[in-house]
Protein backbone atom coordinates (compact mmCIF):
# COMPACT_ATOMS: atom_id res chain seq x y z
CA MET A 1 -17.87 -45.90 -113.72
CA PRO A 2 -15.38 -48.73 -113.05
CA GLU A 3 -13.57 -48.79 -109.73
CA TRP A 4 -10.67 -50.78 -108.26
CA ILE A 5 -11.60 -52.96 -105.26
CA GLU A 6 -9.05 -54.52 -102.91
CA ALA A 7 -9.79 -58.25 -102.99
CA CYS A 8 -6.99 -60.04 -101.10
CA PHE A 9 -3.26 -60.34 -100.55
CA THR A 10 -1.11 -62.07 -103.17
CA LYS A 11 -0.02 -64.60 -100.53
CA ASP A 12 -3.66 -65.64 -100.01
CA ILE A 13 -3.70 -67.59 -103.30
CA GLU A 14 -1.52 -70.62 -104.00
CA THR A 15 -0.12 -71.17 -107.49
CA GLU A 16 -2.67 -72.94 -109.71
CA ASP A 17 -5.49 -72.18 -107.31
CA LEU A 18 -8.24 -69.66 -106.75
CA ILE A 19 -10.07 -67.90 -103.99
CA ARG A 20 -13.62 -66.69 -103.87
CA PHE A 21 -14.20 -62.99 -103.32
CA ASP A 22 -17.66 -61.61 -102.60
CA HIS A 23 -18.37 -57.92 -103.01
CA GLN A 24 -21.82 -56.45 -102.51
CA ASP A 25 -24.14 -58.86 -104.36
CA ARG A 26 -21.48 -60.33 -106.67
CA THR A 27 -19.10 -63.27 -106.48
CA PHE A 28 -15.69 -63.34 -108.15
CA ALA A 29 -12.95 -65.95 -108.55
CA ILE A 30 -9.33 -64.78 -108.38
CA TYR A 31 -6.68 -67.13 -109.78
CA LYS A 32 -2.90 -67.41 -109.60
CA SER A 33 -1.43 -68.93 -112.75
CA PRO A 34 1.66 -71.18 -112.99
CA GLN A 35 3.50 -68.06 -114.19
CA ASP A 36 2.56 -66.23 -110.94
CA GLN A 37 0.11 -63.92 -112.73
CA PHE A 38 -3.29 -63.07 -111.27
CA PHE A 39 -6.63 -63.20 -113.09
CA CYS A 40 -10.26 -62.63 -112.14
CA THR A 41 -13.56 -63.95 -113.50
CA ASP A 42 -17.12 -64.12 -112.33
CA GLY A 43 -17.23 -66.64 -109.51
CA LEU A 44 -20.22 -68.64 -110.75
CA CYS A 45 -20.27 -71.15 -113.58
CA THR A 46 -22.31 -69.94 -116.55
CA HIS A 47 -24.02 -73.33 -116.82
CA GLU A 48 -25.96 -73.56 -113.53
CA LYS A 49 -24.53 -70.73 -111.41
CA VAL A 50 -22.47 -73.07 -109.19
CA HIS A 51 -19.58 -71.48 -107.28
CA LEU A 52 -16.27 -72.16 -109.01
CA GLU A 53 -14.51 -71.95 -105.66
CA GLY A 54 -14.22 -75.73 -105.27
CA GLY A 55 -13.18 -76.34 -108.88
CA LEU A 56 -9.94 -77.80 -110.16
CA VAL A 57 -7.43 -75.21 -111.39
CA MET A 58 -4.80 -76.56 -113.76
CA ASP A 59 -2.57 -74.62 -116.12
CA ASN A 60 -4.83 -71.74 -117.19
CA THR A 61 -8.17 -73.50 -116.73
CA ILE A 62 -10.87 -73.87 -114.10
CA GLU A 63 -13.12 -76.92 -114.06
CA CYS A 64 -16.55 -76.44 -112.53
CA PRO A 65 -16.95 -78.71 -109.50
CA MET A 66 -20.56 -79.60 -110.36
CA HIS A 67 -20.74 -80.73 -114.01
CA ASN A 68 -17.10 -80.43 -115.16
CA GLY A 69 -17.58 -77.50 -117.52
CA LEU A 70 -14.15 -76.06 -118.34
CA PHE A 71 -13.07 -72.46 -118.82
CA ASP A 72 -9.85 -70.65 -119.70
CA TYR A 73 -9.68 -68.23 -116.78
CA THR A 74 -7.28 -65.91 -118.62
CA THR A 75 -9.92 -65.14 -121.28
CA GLY A 76 -13.15 -66.48 -119.75
CA LYS A 77 -13.67 -68.71 -122.80
CA ALA A 78 -15.86 -71.79 -122.25
CA LEU A 79 -13.82 -74.81 -123.39
CA ARG A 80 -16.00 -77.83 -122.56
CA SER A 81 -19.72 -78.42 -122.22
CA PRO A 82 -22.00 -78.22 -120.48
CA ALA A 83 -20.55 -74.71 -120.17
CA CYS A 84 -21.40 -72.85 -123.38
CA ASN A 85 -21.27 -69.23 -122.30
CA ASN A 86 -17.99 -67.53 -121.48
CA LEU A 87 -17.16 -66.20 -118.02
CA LYS A 88 -16.84 -62.45 -117.66
CA THR A 89 -13.26 -61.42 -116.87
CA TYR A 90 -12.00 -58.43 -114.89
CA SER A 91 -8.77 -56.46 -114.94
CA VAL A 92 -6.37 -57.16 -112.08
CA LYS A 93 -3.54 -55.10 -110.65
CA ILE A 94 -1.07 -55.77 -107.84
CA GLU A 95 0.04 -53.02 -105.47
CA ASN A 96 1.98 -53.55 -102.25
CA GLU A 97 1.30 -57.31 -102.38
CA LYS A 98 -2.45 -56.71 -102.60
CA VAL A 99 -4.70 -57.89 -105.42
CA TYR A 100 -7.17 -55.34 -106.80
CA ILE A 101 -9.91 -56.04 -109.33
CA GLU A 102 -11.64 -53.51 -111.52
CA ILE A 103 -15.40 -53.76 -111.42
């Protein structure tokens, strides 16, 4: 059964950036778009399981810091090889300036 997990405060993430959030044995990436919306994906690249935390966030994309695979973080869609598999995305809600993800 899905549950909402408090991940961070909205002020913890700069516009066009991400933060890493670890919960139990999973890693997530939480993004703030240029339109001040929040999104969440798995935190590891689907190519070689590298943390996306150090990747370049621009517009609505995240570039893997290891091999430059590119994803649309709003949909999880892989946009450039070597990333071929999409990232899993998670629902996000904001309450009292806190970011929650549904896992």
